[in-house]
N, C-alpha and C. Protein backbone atom coordinates (compact mmCIF):
# COMPACT_ATOMS: atom_id res chain seq x y z
N MET A 1 55.77 26.65 21.59
CA MET A 1 55.88 25.32 20.04
C MET A 1 55.25 23.78 20.50
N ILE A 2 55.49 24.09 21.73
CA ILE A 2 54.94 22.68 22.27
C ILE A 2 53.07 22.86 22.66
N VAL A 3 52.44 23.90 22.97
CA VAL A 3 51.31 24.18 23.19
C VAL A 3 50.74 24.14 21.65
N ARG A 4 51.50 24.55 20.77
CA ARG A 4 50.77 24.80 19.13
C ARG A 4 50.81 23.36 19.03
N SER A 5 51.82 22.48 19.17
CA SER A 5 51.45 21.20 18.61
C SER A 5 50.87 20.18 19.06
N ARG A 6 50.63 20.43 20.57
CA ARG A 6 49.30 19.63 21.08
C ARG A 6 47.82 20.43 21.12
N ALA A 7 47.92 21.51 20.62
CA ALA A 7 46.62 21.97 19.89
C ALA A 7 46.39 21.53 18.82
N LEU A 8 47.46 21.56 17.73
CA LEU A 8 47.08 20.79 16.37
C LEU A 8 46.65 19.51 16.75
N ASP A 9 47.35 18.65 17.52
CA ASP A 9 47.40 17.38 17.74
C ASP A 9 45.90 16.94 18.32
N PHE A 10 45.04 17.82 19.24
CA PHE A 10 44.02 17.86 19.97
C PHE A 10 42.78 18.00 18.62
N LEU A 11 43.17 19.35 17.66
CA LEU A 11 42.30 19.63 16.42
C LEU A 11 42.08 18.07 15.65
N ARG A 12 43.26 17.94 15.38
CA ARG A 12 43.24 16.73 14.49
C ARG A 12 42.49 15.41 15.15
N ARG A 13 42.52 14.90 16.31
CA ARG A 13 42.11 14.16 16.89
C ARG A 13 40.52 14.23 16.94
N ARG A 14 40.47 15.50 17.34
CA ARG A 14 38.57 15.72 17.27
C ARG A 14 38.15 15.66 15.99
N THR A 15 38.79 15.84 15.03
CA THR A 15 38.07 16.01 13.31
C THR A 15 38.02 14.42 13.03
N SER A 16 39.31 13.67 13.47
CA SER A 16 39.14 12.23 13.17
C SER A 16 38.07 11.66 13.95
N GLU A 17 37.77 12.06 15.04
CA GLU A 17 36.79 11.16 16.11
C GLU A 17 35.33 11.61 15.02
N ARG A 18 35.41 12.85 14.87
CA ARG A 18 33.96 13.26 14.02
C ARG A 18 34.18 12.70 12.87
N ALA A 19 35.17 12.50 11.89
CA ALA A 19 34.68 11.70 10.78
C ALA A 19 34.43 10.23 11.28
N ASP A 20 34.93 9.78 12.18
CA ASP A 20 34.60 8.10 12.50
C ASP A 20 33.05 8.20 12.57
N ALA A 21 32.82 9.05 13.46
CA ALA A 21 31.14 9.20 14.19
C ALA A 21 30.26 9.07 12.51
N HIS A 22 31.00 10.07 11.77
CA HIS A 22 30.14 10.29 10.58
C HIS A 22 30.11 8.85 9.70
N HIS A 23 31.05 7.99 9.73
CA HIS A 23 30.84 6.91 9.02
C HIS A 23 30.23 6.04 9.78
N GLU A 24 29.94 5.86 11.28
CA GLU A 24 29.41 4.88 11.76
C GLU A 24 27.84 5.33 11.40
N LEU A 25 27.49 6.51 11.38
CA LEU A 25 25.99 7.03 11.07
C LEU A 25 25.62 6.43 10.02
N ASP A 26 26.30 7.06 8.93
CA ASP A 26 26.30 6.87 7.22
C ASP A 26 26.23 4.89 7.58
N ASP A 27 27.02 4.10 8.25
CA ASP A 27 26.68 2.62 7.88
C ASP A 27 25.25 2.40 8.40
N MET A 28 25.04 2.92 9.87
CA MET A 28 23.85 2.62 10.80
C MET A 28 22.32 2.94 9.40
N VAL A 29 22.67 4.02 9.05
CA VAL A 29 21.57 4.58 8.07
C VAL A 29 21.75 3.71 6.80
N ALA A 30 22.45 3.09 6.22
CA ALA A 30 22.87 2.16 5.19
C ALA A 30 22.16 0.79 5.33
N GLU A 31 22.51 0.63 6.83
CA GLU A 31 21.67 -0.75 6.89
C GLU A 31 20.42 -0.83 7.42
N THR A 32 19.90 0.47 7.93
CA THR A 32 18.57 0.58 7.99
C THR A 32 17.71 0.59 6.74
N VAL A 33 18.17 1.43 6.05
CA VAL A 33 17.55 1.94 4.70
C VAL A 33 17.63 0.44 3.68
N ALA A 34 18.55 -0.35 3.41
CA ALA A 34 18.87 -1.36 2.88
C ALA A 34 18.17 -2.54 3.41
N GLY A 35 16.73 -2.40 3.40
CA GLY A 35 16.07 -4.23 3.83
C GLY A 35 15.84 -4.44 2.98
N ASP A 36 14.97 -5.63 3.37
CA ASP A 36 14.18 -6.72 2.10
C ASP A 36 13.46 -5.82 1.44
N SER A 37 12.61 -4.99 1.82
CA SER A 37 11.49 -4.24 1.45
C SER A 37 12.01 -3.56 -0.29
N PRO A 38 10.98 -3.89 -1.05
CA PRO A 38 11.54 -3.69 -2.31
C PRO A 38 11.51 -2.19 -2.17
N ASP A 39 11.88 -1.73 -3.36
CA ASP A 39 11.85 -0.08 -3.75
C ASP A 39 10.73 0.54 -3.84
N PRO A 40 10.25 1.48 -3.44
CA PRO A 40 9.19 2.34 -3.38
C PRO A 40 8.98 2.60 -5.24
N MET A 41 9.54 2.92 -5.94
CA MET A 41 9.61 3.66 -7.12
C MET A 41 9.37 2.30 -8.14
N ASP A 42 9.81 1.11 -7.91
CA ASP A 42 9.64 -0.19 -8.48
C ASP A 42 8.22 -0.38 -8.22
N THR A 43 7.87 -0.50 -6.91
CA THR A 43 6.57 -0.98 -6.56
C THR A 43 5.35 -0.11 -7.24
N THR A 44 5.82 1.20 -7.45
CA THR A 44 4.85 2.02 -7.96
C THR A 44 4.44 1.56 -9.62
N GLN A 45 5.97 1.78 -9.96
CA GLN A 45 6.11 1.50 -11.74
C GLN A 45 5.30 -0.26 -11.83
N ALA A 46 5.37 -1.16 -11.17
CA ALA A 46 4.89 -2.59 -11.24
C ALA A 46 3.36 -2.16 -11.26
N SER A 47 3.08 -1.42 -10.17
CA SER A 47 1.41 -1.21 -10.29
C SER A 47 0.90 -0.57 -11.40
N GLU A 48 1.67 0.34 -11.83
CA GLU A 48 1.24 0.85 -13.34
C GLU A 48 1.21 0.09 -14.41
N GLN A 49 2.35 -0.56 -14.56
CA GLN A 49 2.43 -1.64 -15.40
C GLN A 49 1.31 -2.64 -15.53
N ALA A 50 0.93 -3.07 -13.85
CA ALA A 50 -0.36 -4.08 -13.88
C ALA A 50 -1.43 -3.57 -14.33
N TRP A 51 -1.63 -1.84 -13.89
CA TRP A 51 -2.75 -1.76 -14.42
C TRP A 51 -2.84 -1.14 -16.14
N ALA A 52 -1.77 -1.14 -16.55
CA ALA A 52 -2.06 -0.99 -18.06
C ALA A 52 -2.35 -1.97 -18.74
N LEU A 53 -1.52 -3.13 -18.08
CA LEU A 53 -1.78 -4.37 -19.03
C LEU A 53 -3.41 -5.16 -19.05
N HIS A 54 -4.28 -4.63 -17.36
CA HIS A 54 -5.21 -4.73 -16.97
C HIS A 54 -5.93 -4.17 -18.22
N GLU A 55 -5.84 -2.88 -18.37
CA GLU A 55 -6.48 -2.15 -19.31
C GLU A 55 -6.44 -2.72 -21.17
N CYS A 56 -5.12 -3.19 -21.33
CA CYS A 56 -5.17 -3.76 -22.44
C CYS A 56 -5.88 -4.83 -22.64
N LEU A 57 -5.48 -5.57 -21.65
CA LEU A 57 -6.40 -6.87 -21.85
C LEU A 57 -8.11 -6.83 -21.55
N ARG A 58 -8.67 -5.53 -21.01
CA ARG A 58 -9.96 -5.36 -21.02
C ARG A 58 -10.56 -4.74 -22.26
N LYS A 59 -10.03 -4.27 -23.35
CA LYS A 59 -10.10 -3.47 -24.04
C LYS A 59 -10.09 -4.73 -25.57
N MET A 60 -9.46 -5.59 -25.28
CA MET A 60 -9.00 -6.74 -26.19
C MET A 60 -10.63 -7.46 -26.74
N GLU A 61 -10.89 -7.78 -27.75
CA GLU A 61 -12.35 -8.98 -27.98
C GLU A 61 -12.00 -10.17 -26.82
N ALA A 62 -13.08 -10.73 -26.83
CA ALA A 62 -12.80 -11.97 -25.85
C ALA A 62 -12.01 -13.01 -26.15
N GLY A 63 -12.49 -13.61 -27.65
CA GLY A 63 -11.27 -13.94 -27.99
C GLY A 63 -9.60 -14.11 -27.73
N GLN A 64 -9.31 -12.82 -28.47
CA GLN A 64 -8.09 -12.49 -28.39
C GLN A 64 -7.65 -12.54 -26.81
N ARG A 65 -8.56 -11.78 -25.56
CA ARG A 65 -8.28 -11.74 -24.41
C ARG A 65 -7.85 -13.02 -23.89
N GLU A 66 -8.64 -14.25 -24.30
CA GLU A 66 -8.46 -15.71 -24.16
C GLU A 66 -6.94 -16.33 -24.53
N VAL A 67 -7.12 -15.96 -25.53
CA VAL A 67 -5.78 -16.28 -26.20
C VAL A 67 -4.33 -15.88 -25.56
N VAL A 68 -4.40 -14.78 -25.60
CA VAL A 68 -3.09 -13.96 -24.72
C VAL A 68 -3.42 -14.14 -23.47
N SER A 69 -4.18 -14.02 -22.93
CA SER A 69 -4.11 -14.44 -21.16
C SER A 69 -3.63 -15.72 -20.92
N LEU A 70 -4.18 -16.73 -21.65
CA LEU A 70 -3.73 -18.08 -21.56
C LEU A 70 -1.92 -18.36 -22.24
N ALA A 71 -1.98 -17.88 -23.04
CA ALA A 71 -0.35 -17.65 -23.22
C ALA A 71 0.65 -17.29 -21.90
N TYR A 72 -0.06 -16.26 -21.72
CA TYR A 72 1.11 -15.75 -20.54
C TYR A 72 0.76 -16.28 -19.10
N LEU A 73 -0.44 -16.79 -18.61
CA LEU A 73 -0.63 -17.14 -17.23
C LEU A 73 -0.50 -18.59 -17.69
N ARG A 74 -0.45 -19.37 -18.59
CA ARG A 74 -0.13 -20.83 -18.46
C ARG A 74 1.14 -21.33 -19.39
N ASP A 75 1.91 -20.05 -19.57
CA ASP A 75 3.24 -19.99 -20.91
C ASP A 75 2.72 -21.16 -21.58
N LEU A 76 1.98 -21.12 -22.30
CA LEU A 76 1.55 -22.09 -23.51
C LEU A 76 1.83 -21.48 -24.93
N SER A 77 2.58 -22.46 -25.84
CA SER A 77 2.91 -22.28 -27.02
C SER A 77 1.57 -22.14 -28.16
N HIS A 78 1.36 -21.71 -29.42
CA HIS A 78 0.19 -21.29 -30.26
C HIS A 78 -0.16 -22.85 -30.53
N SER A 79 0.43 -23.74 -30.25
CA SER A 79 0.15 -24.84 -30.67
C SER A 79 -0.59 -25.42 -29.43
N GLU A 80 -0.09 -25.20 -28.37
CA GLU A 80 -0.60 -25.94 -27.08
C GLU A 80 -1.92 -25.28 -27.13
N LEU A 81 -1.87 -23.95 -27.07
CA LEU A 81 -3.31 -23.06 -27.43
C LEU A 81 -4.33 -23.45 -28.49
N ALA A 82 -4.00 -23.68 -29.33
CA ALA A 82 -4.94 -24.49 -30.31
C ALA A 82 -5.65 -25.90 -29.87
N GLY A 83 -4.85 -26.43 -29.08
CA GLY A 83 -5.36 -27.86 -28.89
C GLY A 83 -6.38 -27.69 -27.37
N GLN A 84 -5.90 -26.67 -26.61
CA GLN A 84 -6.92 -26.48 -25.46
C GLN A 84 -8.11 -25.98 -25.98
N LEU A 85 -8.08 -24.97 -26.71
CA LEU A 85 -9.07 -23.92 -27.07
C LEU A 85 -9.74 -24.76 -28.25
N GLN A 86 -9.28 -25.92 -28.91
CA GLN A 86 -9.76 -26.93 -29.81
C GLN A 86 -10.22 -25.53 -31.14
N LEU A 87 -9.30 -24.73 -31.48
CA LEU A 87 -9.29 -24.08 -32.71
C LEU A 87 -8.66 -24.42 -33.67
N PRO A 88 -8.43 -23.82 -34.76
CA PRO A 88 -7.04 -24.29 -35.77
C PRO A 88 -6.17 -23.25 -35.14
N LEU A 89 -5.02 -23.82 -35.65
CA LEU A 89 -3.68 -23.11 -35.34
C LEU A 89 -3.41 -21.58 -36.03
N GLY A 90 -3.70 -21.46 -37.28
CA GLY A 90 -3.98 -20.23 -37.87
C GLY A 90 -4.81 -19.21 -36.93
N THR A 91 -5.89 -19.78 -36.52
CA THR A 91 -7.16 -19.04 -35.49
C THR A 91 -6.19 -18.24 -34.43
N VAL A 92 -5.84 -19.45 -33.98
CA VAL A 92 -4.85 -18.92 -32.45
C VAL A 92 -3.79 -17.79 -32.60
N LYS A 93 -2.90 -18.13 -33.98
CA LYS A 93 -2.08 -16.95 -34.22
C LYS A 93 -2.24 -15.55 -34.69
N THR A 94 -3.59 -15.61 -35.22
CA THR A 94 -4.22 -14.40 -35.37
C THR A 94 -4.53 -13.90 -34.42
N GLY A 95 -5.23 -14.59 -33.62
CA GLY A 95 -6.03 -13.68 -32.60
C GLY A 95 -4.93 -13.26 -31.45
N PHE A 96 -3.81 -14.08 -31.24
CA PHE A 96 -2.86 -13.47 -30.10
C PHE A 96 -2.01 -12.34 -31.12
N ALA A 97 -1.96 -12.56 -32.52
CA ALA A 97 -1.25 -11.23 -33.06
C ALA A 97 -1.97 -10.05 -33.12
N ALA A 98 -3.41 -10.02 -33.49
CA ALA A 98 -4.11 -9.23 -33.15
C ALA A 98 -4.17 -8.49 -32.02
N GLY A 99 -4.49 -9.63 -31.02
CA GLY A 99 -4.30 -8.64 -29.66
C GLY A 99 -3.43 -8.30 -28.89
N TRP A 100 -2.04 -8.94 -29.06
CA TRP A 100 -1.06 -8.07 -28.69
C TRP A 100 -0.83 -7.26 -29.54
N THR A 101 -0.82 -6.80 -30.71
CA THR A 101 -0.36 -5.57 -31.36
C THR A 101 -1.66 -4.77 -31.07
N SER A 102 -2.66 -5.00 -30.68
CA SER A 102 -3.51 -3.64 -29.96
C SER A 102 -3.12 -3.06 -28.58
N CYS A 103 -2.79 -3.96 -27.96
CA CYS A 103 -2.25 -4.03 -26.24
C CYS A 103 -0.87 -3.23 -26.57
N VAL A 104 0.23 -3.71 -27.72
CA VAL A 104 1.37 -2.56 -27.54
C VAL A 104 1.15 -1.24 -27.82
N ALA A 105 0.25 -1.20 -29.03
CA ALA A 105 -0.15 0.00 -29.49
C ALA A 105 -0.48 1.13 -28.39
N ALA A 106 -1.26 0.59 -27.48
CA ALA A 106 -2.00 1.39 -26.62
C ALA A 106 -1.18 1.42 -25.18
N TRP A 107 0.25 0.69 -25.14
CA TRP A 107 0.69 0.75 -24.02
C TRP A 107 1.22 2.20 -23.75
N PRO A 108 1.37 2.46 -22.62
CA PRO A 108 1.87 4.24 -22.29
C PRO A 108 3.19 3.77 -21.79
N VAL A 109 3.45 5.30 -22.86
CA VAL A 109 5.00 5.29 -22.79
C VAL A 109 5.29 6.64 -22.18
N SER A 110 6.02 6.70 -21.44
CA SER A 110 6.51 8.23 -20.51
C SER A 110 8.02 8.21 -20.44
N PRO A 111 8.81 9.03 -20.59
CA PRO A 111 10.28 9.37 -20.34
C PRO A 111 10.56 8.50 -19.22
N GLU A 112 9.83 8.51 -18.06
CA GLU A 112 9.99 7.85 -16.81
C GLU A 112 9.99 6.48 -16.52
N SER A 113 9.24 5.94 -17.77
CA SER A 113 9.10 4.25 -18.14
C SER A 113 10.12 3.78 -18.04
N ARG A 114 10.76 2.75 -17.66
CA ARG A 114 11.78 1.67 -17.79
C ARG A 114 11.45 0.88 -18.75
N HIS A 115 10.26 0.49 -18.60
CA HIS A 115 9.91 -0.92 -19.27
C HIS A 115 8.90 -0.96 -19.99
N GLY A 116 8.59 -1.48 -21.06
CA GLY A 116 7.49 -1.33 -22.25
C GLY A 116 6.74 -2.63 -21.56
N PRO A 117 6.08 -2.74 -22.84
CA PRO A 117 4.80 -3.88 -22.40
C PRO A 117 5.69 -5.04 -22.30
N PRO A 118 5.19 -6.39 -21.25
CA PRO A 118 5.43 -7.33 -21.32
C PRO A 118 6.15 -7.70 -22.92
N GLN A 119 7.23 -8.94 -22.95
CA GLN A 119 7.31 -9.23 -24.16
C GLN A 119 6.41 -10.63 -24.56
N ALA A 120 6.28 -10.65 -25.76
CA ALA A 120 5.51 -11.82 -26.00
C ALA A 120 5.77 -13.00 -25.78
N PRO A 121 5.29 -14.10 -25.80
CA PRO A 121 5.90 -15.32 -25.50
C PRO A 121 6.45 -16.17 -26.36
């Protein structure tokens, strides 16, 4: 009976030591993997979105592209755009709406995509 008890204790201790070793290994792997670098999937998706946005802007007429680009890059309102471009406010709004509508319509949609086109300002 004593031999059996000691054998069971030995097995339990060995199993416990293995479990501890697995936990330590899991912790080391988690620390190594969870670095400050961006997730490769997010990087790929951002690259695809940048390409799609570039293609949308490329296909726009020059005036529409200018209005949409300035709205996003400089975060300007329609009235600020009208003042900077020296165009009537209605022309700026129409140009933005037409350009933006064509971009949204051409935006690639896939089941894997978590994000659509950027939101209008």
